[in-house]
Protein backbone atom coordinates (compact mmCIF):
# COMPACT_ATOMS: atom_id res chain seq x y z
CA MET A 1 -5.20 11.15 -21.59
CA THR A 2 -6.22 11.53 -17.95
CA LEU A 3 -5.75 8.43 -15.82
CA LYS A 4 -8.91 7.52 -13.93
CA TYR A 5 -9.49 4.85 -11.29
CA ALA A 6 -12.18 3.50 -9.01
CA TYR A 7 -10.58 4.30 -5.67
CA PHE A 8 -10.66 1.75 -2.83
CA PRO A 9 -9.06 3.56 0.14
CA GLY A 10 -9.53 0.73 2.64
CA CYS A 11 -10.27 1.03 6.33
CA VAL A 12 -6.94 1.97 7.93
CA ALA A 13 -6.38 5.01 5.69
CA GLN A 14 -9.74 6.38 6.79
CA GLY A 15 -8.97 5.83 10.46
CA ALA A 16 -5.61 5.28 12.13
CA CYS A 17 -3.60 6.38 9.07
CA ARG A 18 -5.73 9.26 7.90
CA GLU A 19 -2.59 10.92 6.54
CA LEU A 20 -2.38 8.18 3.88
CA TYR A 21 -5.84 9.08 2.59
CA GLN A 22 -4.85 12.76 2.71
CA SER A 23 -1.54 12.29 0.89
CA THR A 24 -2.97 9.99 -1.79
CA GLY A 25 -5.47 12.70 -2.65
CA ALA A 26 -2.73 15.33 -2.74
CA LEU A 27 -0.47 13.18 -4.91
CA THR A 28 -3.10 12.22 -7.46
CA ARG A 29 -4.29 15.82 -7.76
CA ALA A 30 -0.70 16.93 -8.36
CA LEU A 31 -0.32 14.32 -11.10
CA GLY A 32 -3.73 14.98 -12.68
CA ILE A 33 -5.01 11.47 -11.84
CA GLU A 34 -8.76 11.24 -11.27
CA LEU A 35 -10.09 9.08 -8.43
CA VAL A 36 -13.72 8.02 -8.13
CA GLU A 37 -14.03 6.82 -4.55
CA LEU A 38 -16.01 3.63 -4.00
CA LYS A 39 -18.11 4.89 -1.10
CA LYS A 40 -20.13 1.65 -0.93
CA ALA A 41 -17.12 -0.66 -0.79
CA ALA A 42 -16.64 -3.01 2.16
CA CYS A 43 -13.51 -3.90 4.12
CA CYS A 44 -11.45 -6.49 2.24
CA GLY A 45 -11.05 -8.48 5.45
CA SER A 46 -7.25 -8.20 5.61
CA GLY A 47 -6.98 -11.94 5.03
CA THR A 48 -9.11 -12.86 8.07
CA PHE A 49 -12.40 -13.65 6.30
CA LYS A 50 -10.96 -16.78 4.72
CA GLU A 51 -10.12 -18.16 8.15
CA ASP A 52 -13.87 -18.62 8.54
CA SER A 53 -14.89 -19.00 4.92
CA GLN A 54 -13.15 -18.63 1.56
CA LEU A 55 -16.59 -18.05 0.05
CA LEU A 56 -17.08 -15.08 2.38
CA GLU A 57 -13.78 -13.47 1.34
CA ASP A 58 -14.48 -14.09 -2.32
CA THR A 59 -18.04 -12.75 -2.23
CA VAL A 60 -17.24 -9.59 -0.27
CA ASN A 61 -14.36 -8.74 -2.57
CA ALA A 62 -16.14 -9.79 -5.75
CA ARG A 63 -18.65 -7.10 -4.78
CA ASN A 64 -15.84 -4.57 -4.30
CA ILE A 65 -14.45 -5.37 -7.75
CA ALA A 66 -17.94 -5.29 -9.29
CA LEU A 67 -18.37 -1.73 -8.01
CA ALA A 68 -15.31 -0.76 -10.08
CA GLU A 69 -16.58 -2.79 -13.05
CA ASP A 70 -19.86 -0.84 -12.94
CA LEU A 71 -17.74 2.27 -13.58
CA ASN A 72 -15.65 0.54 -16.29
CA LEU A 73 -12.55 1.46 -14.31
CA PRO A 74 -9.64 -0.39 -12.74
CA LEU A 75 -9.78 -0.61 -8.95
CA LEU A 76 -6.97 1.36 -7.30
CA THR A 77 -5.82 0.89 -3.71
CA HIS A 78 -2.92 2.36 -1.74
CA CYS A 79 -2.79 -0.51 0.75
CA SER A 80 -0.54 -3.53 0.17
CA THR A 81 -2.86 -5.70 2.24
CA CYS A 82 -5.95 -4.65 0.29
CA GLN A 83 -4.05 -5.20 -2.95
CA GLY A 84 -3.00 -8.68 -1.88
CA VAL A 85 -6.45 -9.75 -0.71
CA ILE A 86 -8.57 -8.21 -3.49
CA GLY A 87 -5.99 -9.02 -6.16
CA ASN A 88 -5.87 -12.65 -5.05
CA VAL A 89 -9.67 -12.89 -5.14
CA ASP A 90 -9.68 -11.35 -8.61
CA GLU A 91 -7.12 -13.92 -9.84
CA ARG A 92 -9.05 -16.80 -8.31
CA LEU A 93 -12.41 -15.74 -9.75
CA LYS A 94 -10.95 -15.07 -13.18
CA ASP A 95 -9.50 -18.60 -13.09
CA ALA A 96 -12.92 -19.88 -11.99
CA HIS A 97 -14.43 -18.67 -15.26
CA GLN A 98 -12.71 -21.68 -16.86
CA SER A 99 -11.84 -24.04 -14.03
CA ASN A 100 -14.82 -23.80 -11.68
CA PRO A 101 -17.78 -21.93 -13.22
CA ALA A 102 -20.17 -23.43 -10.65
CA TYR A 103 -18.26 -21.71 -7.85
CA LEU A 104 -18.33 -18.37 -9.67
CA ASP A 105 -22.08 -18.82 -10.21
CA ARG A 106 -22.45 -19.38 -6.46
CA VAL A 107 -20.58 -16.16 -5.68
CA ASN A 108 -22.64 -14.19 -8.18
CA HIS A 109 -25.89 -15.71 -6.91
CA LEU A 110 -25.07 -14.41 -3.44
CA LEU A 111 -24.33 -10.97 -4.89
CA THR A 112 -27.49 -10.72 -6.97
CA GLU A 113 -29.58 -11.94 -4.01
CA GLN A 114 -28.44 -8.78 -2.21
CA GLY A 115 -29.15 -6.53 -5.17
CA CYS A 116 -25.47 -6.20 -6.14
CA SER A 117 -23.96 -6.38 -9.58
CA PRO A 118 -22.35 -9.73 -10.46
CA TYR A 119 -18.59 -10.08 -10.78
CA ARG A 120 -17.62 -10.14 -14.46
CA GLY A 121 -13.82 -10.18 -14.36
CA THR A 122 -13.48 -7.12 -16.58
CA SER A 123 -11.46 -4.88 -14.26
CA GLU A 124 -7.92 -4.82 -12.87
CA VAL A 125 -6.90 -4.50 -9.24
CA LYS A 126 -3.96 -2.14 -9.04
CA HIS A 127 -1.88 -0.74 -6.20
CA LEU A 128 -0.91 2.93 -6.37
CA LEU A 129 2.72 1.80 -6.78
CA TRP A 130 1.84 -0.19 -9.92
CA ALA A 131 -0.16 2.77 -11.25
CA LEU A 132 2.82 5.09 -10.80
CA VAL A 133 5.29 2.68 -12.38
CA GLY A 134 3.16 1.14 -15.12
CA ASP A 135 0.44 3.64 -16.02
CA PHE A 136 1.85 7.07 -15.23
CA GLY A 137 5.44 6.03 -15.89
CA LEU A 138 8.69 6.86 -14.13
CA ASP A 139 9.97 9.08 -16.95
CA GLU A 140 6.86 11.24 -16.71
CA LEU A 141 7.07 11.26 -12.92
CA GLN A 142 10.65 12.46 -13.12
CA LYS A 143 9.56 15.35 -15.35
CA ARG A 144 7.03 16.47 -12.73
CA VAL A 145 9.58 16.74 -9.92
CA THR A 146 9.91 20.30 -8.64
CA ARG A 147 11.76 19.52 -5.42
CA LYS A 148 14.45 16.89 -5.87
CA LEU A 149 14.94 14.77 -2.77
CA SER A 150 18.72 14.74 -3.27
CA GLY A 151 20.64 13.19 -0.42
CA LEU A 152 17.60 11.59 1.24
CA LYS A 153 18.30 7.91 1.88
CA CYS A 154 15.09 5.89 1.70
CA ALA A 155 14.63 2.28 2.77
CA ALA A 156 11.65 0.59 1.11
CA PHE A 157 9.43 -1.72 3.13
CA TYR A 158 7.16 -3.46 0.65
CA GLY A 159 4.94 -5.55 2.90
CA CYS A 160 4.40 -9.22 2.27
CA TYR A 161 0.89 -8.93 0.80
CA LEU A 162 2.06 -6.72 -2.04
CA LEU A 163 4.75 -9.17 -3.11
CA ARG A 164 3.45 -12.66 -2.34
CA ALA A 165 -0.35 -12.77 -2.09
CA GLN A 166 -0.88 -13.09 -5.84
CA LYS A 167 0.45 -15.51 -8.42
CA HIS A 168 1.58 -12.67 -10.64
CA ILE A 169 2.48 -9.09 -9.84
CA PRO A 170 3.14 -6.46 -12.52
CA PHE A 171 6.37 -4.57 -13.04
CA ASP A 172 8.39 -6.42 -10.40
CA ASP A 173 9.99 -9.58 -9.06
CA PRO A 174 8.38 -10.73 -5.78
CA HIS A 175 11.71 -12.05 -4.53
CA ALA A 176 13.93 -9.17 -5.67
CA PRO A 177 11.67 -6.15 -6.14
CA GLU A 178 12.92 -2.84 -7.46
CA SER A 179 9.76 -0.84 -8.20
CA MET A 180 9.90 1.30 -5.06
CA GLU A 181 13.63 1.85 -5.44
CA ASN A 182 13.01 2.93 -9.03
CA VAL A 183 10.43 5.44 -7.80
CA PHE A 184 13.01 6.76 -5.32
CA ARG A 185 15.52 7.21 -8.14
CA ALA A 186 12.94 9.03 -10.28
CA ILE A 187 12.49 11.66 -7.56
CA ASP A 188 16.25 11.80 -6.90
CA ALA A 189 16.18 10.05 -3.52
CA THR A 190 18.76 7.37 -2.74
CA PRO A 191 17.53 3.76 -2.27
CA ILE A 192 18.86 1.87 0.74
CA TYR A 193 18.95 -1.93 0.64
CA TYR A 194 18.63 -4.09 3.72
CA ARG A 195 17.47 -7.62 4.41
CA GLY A 196 14.06 -6.87 5.91
CA ARG A 197 12.65 -4.80 3.06
CA THR A 198 10.71 -7.77 1.60
CA GLN A 199 9.77 -9.45 4.88
CA CYS A 200 6.72 -9.28 7.13
CA CYS A 201 6.48 -6.27 9.45
CA GLY A 202 4.99 -8.42 12.22
CA TRP A 203 1.55 -6.82 12.21
CA PRO A 204 -0.36 -10.10 11.70
CA LEU A 205 1.19 -11.44 14.92
CA SER A 206 0.54 -8.36 17.01
CA SER A 207 -2.81 -9.42 18.50
CA TYR A 208 -1.60 -12.75 19.89
CA ALA A 209 2.21 -12.68 19.88
CA THR A 210 2.95 -9.05 20.62
CA THR A 211 6.52 -9.49 21.78
CA GLN A 212 7.49 -11.46 18.68
CA SER A 213 5.70 -8.91 16.47
CA PHE A 214 7.61 -6.01 18.01
CA GLN A 215 10.89 -7.93 17.82
CA MET A 216 10.33 -8.43 14.07
CA ALA A 217 9.55 -4.75 13.54
CA GLY A 218 12.50 -3.70 15.67
CA GLY A 219 14.86 -5.93 13.72
CA HIS A 220 13.79 -4.38 10.42
CA ILE A 221 14.10 -0.82 11.71
CA ARG A 222 17.50 -1.57 13.26
CA GLU A 223 18.75 -3.01 9.94
CA ALA A 224 17.53 0.02 8.00
CA ILE A 225 19.32 2.35 10.41
CA ALA A 226 22.51 0.30 10.17
CA ALA A 227 22.32 0.55 6.36
CA GLY A 228 22.23 4.35 6.61
CA ALA A 229 18.54 5.06 6.02
CA ASP A 230 17.07 8.47 6.85
CA CYS A 231 13.59 6.96 6.71
CA ILE A 232 11.57 3.87 5.85
CA VAL A 233 8.95 4.25 3.10
CA THR A 234 6.07 1.78 2.90
CA PRO A 235 3.11 1.26 0.55
CA CYS A 236 1.08 -0.44 3.33
CA PRO A 237 -0.72 1.32 6.20
CA LEU A 238 -0.67 -1.83 8.36
CA CYS A 239 3.11 -1.96 8.02
CA HIS A 240 3.12 1.73 8.88
CA LEU A 241 1.18 1.06 12.07
CA ASN A 242 3.67 -1.53 13.27
CA LEU A 243 6.78 0.39 12.20
CA ASP A 244 5.71 3.94 13.12
CA SER A 245 2.72 4.02 15.47
CA ARG A 246 4.09 1.23 17.60
CA GLN A 247 7.76 2.17 17.38
CA PRO A 248 7.84 3.43 20.99
CA GLU A 249 6.55 0.03 22.16
CA VAL A 250 8.99 -1.69 19.81
CA GLU A 251 11.81 0.27 21.42
CA GLN A 252 10.71 -0.88 24.88
CA THR A 253 10.54 -4.49 23.72
CA ILE A 254 14.03 -4.57 22.18
CA GLY A 255 15.57 -2.22 24.74
CA GLU A 256 16.95 0.15 22.15
CA LYS A 257 16.17 3.67 20.96
CA LEU A 258 15.36 3.76 17.25
CA GLY A 259 13.63 7.00 16.23
CA LEU A 260 13.51 6.26 12.49
CA PRO A 261 10.74 8.13 10.61
CA VAL A 262 8.37 5.98 8.52
CA LEU A 263 6.68 7.61 5.52
CA HIS A 264 3.81 6.48 3.34
CA LEU A 265 4.78 6.15 -0.32
CA PRO A 266 2.47 8.95 -1.56
CA GLN A 267 3.85 11.32 1.09
CA LEU A 268 7.38 10.88 -0.22
CA VAL A 269 6.46 11.23 -3.90
CA ALA A 270 4.19 14.23 -3.30
CA LEU A 271 7.00 16.04 -1.43
CA ALA A 272 9.06 15.81 -4.62
CA LEU A 273 6.16 17.35 -6.56
CA GLY A 274 6.14 20.42 -4.35
CA VAL A 275 3.25 19.52 -2.06
CA SER A 276 3.69 20.97 1.43
CA PRO A 277 4.33 18.72 4.45
CA GLN A 278 1.16 20.08 6.07
CA GLU A 279 -0.97 18.96 3.12
CA LEU A 280 0.53 15.47 3.45
CA GLY A 281 -0.17 15.01 7.15
CA LEU A 282 3.50 14.61 8.01
CA ASP A 283 2.76 16.03 11.46
CA ARG A 284 0.47 13.10 12.29
CA HIS A 285 3.20 10.48 12.68
CA ILE A 286 4.21 9.01 16.03
CA VAL A 287 7.92 9.13 15.12
CA SER A 288 8.67 12.72 14.15
CA THR A 289 9.31 13.31 10.46
CA ARG A 290 11.20 16.52 11.30
CA PRO A 291 14.67 14.99 10.58
CA VAL A 292 13.52 14.11 7.05
CA LEU A 293 12.08 17.58 6.44
CA GLU A 294 15.16 19.29 7.85
CA LYS A 295 17.41 17.25 5.57
CA LEU A 296 15.31 18.42 2.62
CA GLY A 297 15.61 22.05 3.70
CA PHE A 298 12.19 22.65 5.22
């Protein structure tokens, strides 16, 4: 049976991290997963809407989920932040069915006033990582590998929204996660463990406490290097921005050369499926991915 999802790419993957959008498409095509992109979806707000109004965050994202419900499909995202925000809204509104139906009615009234479908709570919100682990399955993924990533040492960087924004996350422990490391093992890469892999990248601080943000990012990258990592792999484009795009500024802030490549999760997995580096946008990164490709024999 073909896996099919309502695809919520989010804003960053269609702008600053276009290579994430590109590599997610390449990966899902290679696996035979069908994506129906939600062209009318709105930005999830990245957690900022609720600073002004919880109702605003809930209504905007109830609409996003309702777009997937109209297709009778689970909503799939490749962004940890989008997963955390939309998944948290989904949990809260599903709880409201029993605990606060008046609030849910208020959200749906706002939606129907604008000609949108009401939120029904019939869909799931699922990160690409959860889809790989839980729906596609690691055994099946391992069978699809055509280019083993033997010898490549990968340090996961989960992003805090993926692990801690929801009450419950599938297939993992928010305090001691292993899902990304299990994906690495399935494609024959070597997981690297270090303290910062479950911590915040510093992105949320970057607009008002830039030095502290870059110090956080620099500390994580330094720890990954010390643990022997060839690269960091993240399922969050905002983490990617702070760890890769801003790595030169991070280096200036901490007074230390780092130079550690940072890959998006679908880029790494698709490499193991035989997709070319060019198709995955690996030339778009600020920190060159050449050392990773050379280690893999490209």
